[in-house]
Amino acid sequence: MLHPVPHEDTHEPPIVELRGVTTGYEGRHVLTDVTMSIAPGDFVGLLGPSGSGKSTLLRCILGTVDLYSGEVVVEGRSVTQRRPRAGYVPQLETIDWNFPVTVQEVVMMGCTMDYPLFPWHRRRGKERAARIMDRLGISNLARRHIRELSGGEQQRTFLARALVSNPRLLLLDEPTTGVDIKTRDDVMHLLDELNHEGITVVMSTHEINSVAAHLPRAVCLNGRLTADGPPGEVFTTEILSRTYGAEMPVTDYEGITIVAERPHFFGRENTRRRQRHGHNVAEKRHPVGRDNRAQPHSHRHGHGE
């Protein structure tokens, strides 16, 4: 577990507050009546099925979606009054990888928050960008086109862009989706380091066991806030079934809560029923052909919200 327990209460005011927020796009409500706060130093994982509002919640904090009711306050000021100072890492699949830009140029885009009226880059910004790229291990890629990068290198590039403005708040939309296990672990440990340095991290994820179970706080969404707390308290069959609309058994393994998905065998409902009631079905095994083969199917949620 990255954090065995949530961070200590420093009695600081919340860095993010959502007060009865209903938000969405072009009159369509995606999230309704959401009230929650995020304290400085929090590390929060947003969970829920596709369309549940995870990405929308991140954009709501950034002030880039329609706000129909309620208020969003970041660092003491409404997002309708001032764009919040936050680093943002979008889903990789939303990036136009054919856009003619190098790794260094992408990272330097993050400096425009410091100098919005002066789009050219000052020496201090270039020096910080160099330090960030070096820390993330992408200095040697500075002149490479972004389409030439691996998934892990792409993720580090946009993380560098988010960090170059030195934000206190970092928002990430599914930063571990589509990368290999080592890259996922590297990204999570890097986020953990940044969090321990004082950066508040809020990230969405579909990876319940490999990512969310290791975070100190999980927020479940399905158009509304369905649960908020430590994974050990949030990851229950009742809460997850209400969030995802499907039965999700929960077990404990060496102190870590593990969420399972029941396998589905299409065309074998009678066999499943007999198995569920403890009958021995092996004695009636038939030759497996193209039309009667059991097909295990695991659900994999999509990415867009």
Protein backbone atom coordinates (compact mmCIF):
# COMPACT_ATOMS: atom_id res chain seq x y z
CA MET A 1 0.00 0.00 0.00
CA LEU A 2 1.36 3.40 -0.93
CA HIS A 3 -0.08 4.94 2.20
CA PRO A 4 -1.02 2.64 5.09
CA VAL A 5 -3.39 5.30 6.41
CA PRO A 6 -4.73 8.66 5.17
CA HIS A 7 -2.47 11.65 5.78
CA GLU A 8 -2.50 13.31 9.19
CA ASP A 9 -5.00 16.12 9.67
CA THR A 10 -3.07 19.39 9.48
CA HIS A 11 -6.21 21.48 10.13
CA GLU A 12 -5.61 23.36 6.88
CA PRO A 13 -8.66 24.40 4.87
CA PRO A 14 -9.59 22.08 2.00
CA ILE A 15 -7.69 22.58 -1.23
CA VAL A 16 -10.84 21.52 -3.16
CA GLU A 17 -14.50 21.82 -2.15
CA LEU A 18 -17.55 20.76 -4.13
CA ARG A 19 -20.77 22.07 -2.60
CA GLY A 20 -23.95 20.54 -3.99
CA VAL A 21 -22.49 20.45 -7.49
CA THR A 22 -24.55 19.46 -10.52
CA THR A 23 -22.49 19.60 -13.70
CA GLY A 24 -22.29 18.29 -17.23
CA TYR A 25 -22.25 19.31 -20.88
CA GLU A 26 -24.72 21.26 -23.05
CA GLY A 27 -27.57 20.86 -20.60
CA ARG A 28 -26.97 17.15 -19.93
CA HIS A 29 -26.33 16.36 -16.26
CA VAL A 30 -23.40 13.98 -15.71
CA LEU A 31 -22.95 14.51 -11.97
CA THR A 32 -25.77 15.51 -9.65
CA ASP A 33 -25.63 17.05 -6.17
CA VAL A 34 -22.03 16.13 -5.35
CA THR A 35 -20.64 17.42 -2.08
CA MET A 36 -17.10 16.53 -1.03
CA SER A 37 -13.83 18.11 0.03
CA ILE A 38 -10.19 17.25 -0.60
CA ALA A 39 -7.60 18.23 1.98
CA PRO A 40 -4.05 19.33 1.18
CA GLY A 41 -1.90 16.22 0.90
CA ASP A 42 -4.74 13.86 0.02
CA PHE A 43 -4.23 11.05 -2.51
CA VAL A 44 -7.66 10.25 -3.96
CA GLY A 45 -8.74 7.60 -6.45
CA LEU A 46 -11.97 8.16 -8.42
CA LEU A 47 -13.82 4.94 -9.30
CA GLY A 48 -16.91 4.10 -11.31
CA PRO A 49 -18.08 2.65 -14.63
CA SER A 50 -17.74 4.44 -17.94
CA GLY A 51 -20.01 7.48 -18.02
CA SER A 52 -20.14 7.68 -14.22
CA GLY A 53 -18.56 11.12 -14.09
CA LYS A 54 -14.92 10.50 -13.18
CA SER A 55 -13.45 12.60 -15.98
CA THR A 56 -16.21 15.16 -15.53
CA LEU A 57 -15.33 15.57 -11.86
CA LEU A 58 -11.71 16.32 -12.77
CA ARG A 59 -12.80 18.87 -15.38
CA CYS A 60 -15.24 20.34 -12.89
CA ILE A 61 -12.34 21.06 -10.54
CA LEU A 62 -10.53 22.70 -13.46
CA GLY A 63 -13.62 24.81 -14.22
CA THR A 64 -13.92 23.54 -17.80
CA VAL A 65 -17.45 22.04 -17.73
CA ASP A 66 -20.88 23.59 -17.33
CA LEU A 67 -21.92 24.17 -13.73
CA TYR A 68 -25.70 24.01 -13.32
CA SER A 69 -25.90 24.36 -9.55
CA GLY A 70 -23.62 24.42 -6.53
CA GLU A 71 -20.11 25.77 -6.20
CA VAL A 72 -16.57 24.52 -6.83
CA VAL A 73 -13.85 26.14 -4.74
CA VAL A 74 -10.14 25.49 -5.27
CA GLU A 75 -7.63 27.00 -2.85
CA GLY A 76 -10.27 29.28 -1.41
CA ARG A 77 -11.61 30.75 -4.64
CA SER A 78 -14.48 29.75 -6.92
CA VAL A 79 -13.38 28.29 -10.24
CA THR A 80 -15.86 30.64 -11.92
CA GLN A 81 -13.73 33.57 -10.72
CA ARG A 82 -10.27 32.28 -11.48
CA ARG A 83 -8.76 29.35 -13.28
CA PRO A 84 -7.31 27.11 -10.56
CA ARG A 85 -3.59 26.46 -10.43
CA ALA A 86 -3.60 22.73 -11.04
CA GLY A 87 -1.61 20.30 -13.11
CA TYR A 88 -3.74 18.13 -15.40
CA VAL A 89 -2.84 14.91 -17.21
CA PRO A 90 -5.54 13.86 -19.72
CA GLN A 91 -6.25 10.36 -20.98
CA LEU A 92 -3.61 9.38 -23.53
CA GLU A 93 -6.28 8.35 -26.03
CA THR A 94 -7.55 11.95 -26.20
CA ILE A 95 -4.19 13.27 -27.48
CA ASP A 96 -3.57 13.98 -31.16
CA TRP A 97 -0.27 12.12 -31.50
CA ASN A 98 0.25 13.38 -35.05
CA PHE A 99 0.45 17.01 -33.93
CA PRO A 100 3.97 18.21 -34.90
CA VAL A 101 5.48 18.77 -31.48
CA THR A 102 8.47 17.42 -29.57
CA VAL A 103 8.66 16.19 -25.98
CA GLN A 104 10.39 19.38 -24.84
CA GLU A 105 7.76 21.55 -26.52
CA VAL A 106 4.94 19.62 -24.84
CA VAL A 107 6.56 20.05 -21.43
CA MET A 108 7.13 23.77 -22.01
CA MET A 109 3.41 24.22 -22.70
CA GLY A 110 2.91 23.85 -18.97
CA CYS A 111 4.81 27.10 -18.39
CA THR A 112 2.04 29.21 -19.91
CA MET A 113 0.19 29.12 -16.59
CA ASP A 114 2.97 31.24 -15.09
CA TYR A 115 3.15 33.65 -18.02
CA PRO A 116 -0.27 33.63 -19.76
CA LEU A 117 0.31 37.01 -21.41
CA PHE A 118 3.81 36.12 -22.56
CA PRO A 119 3.69 32.80 -24.43
CA TRP A 120 7.44 32.72 -25.06
CA HIS A 121 9.45 30.80 -22.49
CA ARG A 122 11.67 32.48 -19.95
CA ARG A 123 14.96 31.07 -18.75
CA ARG A 124 13.57 30.04 -15.37
CA GLY A 125 10.81 28.03 -17.05
CA LYS A 126 13.28 26.27 -19.32
CA GLU A 127 15.50 25.38 -16.38
CA ARG A 128 12.58 23.96 -14.42
CA ALA A 129 11.40 21.98 -17.44
CA ALA A 130 14.89 20.50 -17.77
CA ARG A 131 14.87 19.47 -14.09
CA ILE A 132 11.43 17.89 -14.36
CA MET A 133 12.32 15.94 -17.52
CA ASP A 134 15.51 14.74 -15.87
CA ARG A 135 13.61 13.56 -12.81
CA LEU A 136 11.09 11.69 -14.95
CA GLY A 137 13.82 10.13 -17.05
CA ILE A 138 12.85 11.70 -20.38
CA SER A 139 15.66 14.23 -20.88
CA ASN A 140 17.12 12.05 -23.62
CA LEU A 141 13.79 12.24 -25.46
CA ALA A 142 13.58 16.04 -25.52
CA ARG A 143 13.85 16.35 -29.32
CA ARG A 144 11.77 13.28 -30.16
CA HIS A 145 8.33 13.64 -31.74
CA ILE A 146 5.58 12.55 -29.35
CA ARG A 147 4.24 9.92 -31.76
CA GLU A 148 7.58 8.08 -31.54
CA LEU A 149 7.23 7.44 -27.81
CA SER A 150 6.09 4.35 -25.95
CA GLY A 151 3.00 4.53 -23.75
CA GLY A 152 5.07 4.99 -20.62
CA GLU A 153 7.17 7.73 -22.22
CA GLN A 154 4.03 9.51 -23.40
CA GLN A 155 2.58 9.37 -19.89
CA ARG A 156 5.76 10.79 -18.38
CA THR A 157 5.83 13.58 -20.96
CA PHE A 158 2.37 14.82 -20.06
CA LEU A 159 3.06 14.36 -16.37
CA ALA A 160 6.12 16.60 -16.83
CA ARG A 161 3.91 19.19 -18.56
CA ALA A 162 1.56 19.13 -15.57
CA LEU A 163 4.39 19.48 -13.04
CA VAL A 164 6.44 22.21 -14.71
CA SER A 165 4.18 24.97 -13.30
CA ASN A 166 4.87 23.68 -9.76
CA PRO A 167 1.21 23.04 -8.83
CA ARG A 168 -0.07 22.09 -5.38
CA LEU A 169 -2.86 20.06 -6.99
CA LEU A 170 -2.36 17.34 -9.60
CA LEU A 171 -5.31 15.84 -11.51
CA LEU A 172 -4.83 12.72 -13.63
CA ASP A 173 -7.36 10.98 -15.86
CA GLU A 174 -6.61 7.24 -15.92
CA PRO A 175 -2.80 7.62 -15.91
CA THR A 176 -2.15 3.85 -15.77
CA THR A 177 -4.51 2.72 -18.53
CA GLY A 178 -2.87 1.13 -21.56
CA VAL A 179 0.62 0.78 -20.09
CA ASP A 180 2.47 -2.35 -18.99
CA ILE A 181 2.71 -3.49 -15.38
CA LYS A 182 6.19 -2.06 -14.77
CA THR A 183 5.24 1.33 -16.20
CA ARG A 184 2.07 1.33 -14.10
CA ASP A 185 4.07 0.63 -10.95
CA ASP A 186 6.66 3.28 -11.87
CA VAL A 187 3.93 5.87 -12.40
CA MET A 188 2.22 5.02 -9.10
CA HIS A 189 5.46 5.19 -7.12
CA LEU A 190 6.31 8.51 -8.74
CA LEU A 191 2.88 9.88 -7.79
CA ASP A 192 3.45 8.59 -4.27
CA GLU A 193 6.76 10.48 -4.09
CA LEU A 194 5.12 13.67 -5.33
CA ASN A 195 2.31 13.25 -2.82
CA HIS A 196 4.82 12.91 0.03
CA GLU A 197 6.43 16.14 -1.19
CA GLY A 198 3.16 17.95 -0.57
CA ILE A 199 1.30 17.68 -3.89
CA THR A 200 -2.37 16.74 -3.58
CA VAL A 201 -3.18 13.99 -6.10
CA VAL A 202 -6.60 13.15 -7.54
CA MET A 203 -6.72 10.44 -10.20
CA SER A 204 -9.41 8.46 -11.96
CA THR A 205 -8.90 4.77 -12.62
CA HIS A 206 -10.66 1.60 -13.77
CA GLU A 207 -8.04 -0.58 -12.09
CA ILE A 208 -9.68 -1.34 -8.77
CA ASN A 209 -7.23 -3.89 -7.41
CA SER A 210 -3.92 -2.89 -8.95
CA VAL A 211 -4.28 0.84 -8.25
CA ALA A 212 -7.22 1.94 -6.15
CA ALA A 213 -6.82 -0.69 -3.43
CA HIS A 214 -3.40 0.77 -2.62
CA LEU A 215 -4.58 4.36 -2.18
CA PRO A 216 -5.61 5.89 1.15
CA ARG A 217 -8.95 7.18 -0.17
CA ALA A 218 -11.42 6.00 -2.78
CA VAL A 219 -14.37 8.00 -4.13
CA CYS A 220 -17.05 6.01 -5.97
CA LEU A 221 -19.23 7.70 -8.58
CA ASN A 222 -22.20 6.72 -10.71
CA GLY A 223 -23.81 10.00 -11.66
CA ARG A 224 -23.77 10.75 -7.95
CA LEU A 225 -21.36 10.21 -5.09
CA THR A 226 -22.00 6.65 -3.91
CA ALA A 227 -19.15 6.24 -1.39
CA ASP A 228 -16.10 8.06 -0.06
CA GLY A 229 -13.49 6.66 2.32
CA PRO A 230 -10.58 4.22 2.74
CA PRO A 231 -10.71 1.24 0.33
CA GLY A 232 -11.15 -1.13 3.28
CA GLU A 233 -14.45 0.58 4.05
CA VAL A 234 -15.57 1.46 0.51
CA PHE A 235 -14.80 -1.86 -1.16
CA THR A 236 -17.84 -3.83 -0.09
CA THR A 237 -20.12 -5.94 -2.25
CA GLU A 238 -23.05 -3.63 -1.53
CA ILE A 239 -21.26 -0.38 -2.37
CA LEU A 240 -19.50 -1.68 -5.47
CA SER A 241 -22.66 -3.36 -6.78
CA ARG A 242 -24.51 -0.06 -6.34
CA THR A 243 -21.69 1.81 -8.08
CA TYR A 244 -21.10 -0.53 -11.02
CA GLY A 245 -24.55 -2.08 -11.37
CA ALA A 246 -23.10 -5.59 -11.25
CA GLU A 247 -22.34 -8.15 -8.57
CA MET A 248 -18.72 -7.74 -7.41
CA PRO A 249 -17.59 -10.19 -4.71
CA VAL A 250 -15.03 -8.87 -2.24
CA THR A 251 -12.43 -10.80 -0.28
CA ASP A 252 -9.39 -10.06 1.87
CA TYR A 253 -5.85 -11.13 1.02
CA GLU A 254 -3.03 -10.39 3.46
CA GLY A 255 -4.77 -7.27 4.71
CA ILE A 256 -5.64 -5.90 1.27
CA THR A 257 -9.21 -5.87 0.02
CA ILE A 258 -9.52 -7.64 -3.36
CA VAL A 259 -12.49 -7.19 -5.68
CA ALA A 260 -13.41 -10.05 -8.00
CA GLU A 261 -15.75 -10.40 -10.96
CA ARG A 262 -17.87 -13.48 -11.40
CA PRO A 263 -17.11 -15.32 -14.69
CA HIS A 264 -19.89 -15.59 -17.23
CA PHE A 265 -20.41 -18.72 -19.31
CA PHE A 266 -22.64 -17.92 -22.25
CA GLY A 267 -25.07 -20.66 -23.23
CA ARG A 268 -24.37 -22.69 -20.12
CA GLU A 269 -26.88 -21.24 -17.65
CA ASN A 270 -28.02 -24.67 -16.48
CA THR A 271 -24.44 -25.74 -15.82
CA ARG A 272 -23.78 -22.54 -13.87
CA ARG A 273 -26.88 -23.10 -11.79
CA ARG A 274 -25.81 -26.64 -10.98
CA GLN A 275 -22.31 -25.48 -10.08
CA ARG A 276 -23.73 -22.77 -7.83
CA HIS A 277 -25.72 -25.39 -5.93
CA GLY A 278 -22.78 -27.75 -5.54
CA HIS A 279 -23.68 -30.41 -8.11
CA ASN A 280 -20.97 -32.41 -9.81
CA VAL A 281 -21.12 -31.51 -13.49
CA ALA A 282 -17.89 -33.22 -14.53
CA GLU A 283 -19.68 -36.55 -14.89
CA LYS A 284 -21.83 -35.14 -17.69
CA ARG A 285 -19.04 -33.59 -19.70
CA HIS A 286 -19.62 -33.54 -23.47
CA PRO A 287 -17.14 -33.09 -26.30
CA VAL A 288 -16.34 -29.42 -26.71
CA GLY A 289 -17.24 -28.10 -30.12
CA ARG A 290 -17.42 -24.71 -31.73
CA ASP A 291 -21.06 -24.19 -30.73
CA ASN A 292 -21.05 -25.42 -27.15
CA ARG A 293 -17.70 -24.22 -25.88
CA ALA A 294 -17.86 -22.27 -22.61
CA GLN A 295 -16.64 -18.76 -23.22
CA PRO A 296 -15.39 -16.98 -20.10
CA HIS A 297 -15.90 -13.27 -20.43
CA SER A 298 -14.39 -10.58 -18.23
CA HIS A 299 -15.80 -7.09 -18.34
CA ARG A 300 -13.48 -4.29 -19.27
CA HIS A 301 -14.90 -0.84 -18.88
CA GLY A 302 -14.33 1.87 -21.46
CA HIS A 303 -12.62 5.17 -20.84
CA GLY A 304 -14.78 8.09 -21.82
CA GLU A 305 -17.04 10.08 -19.58
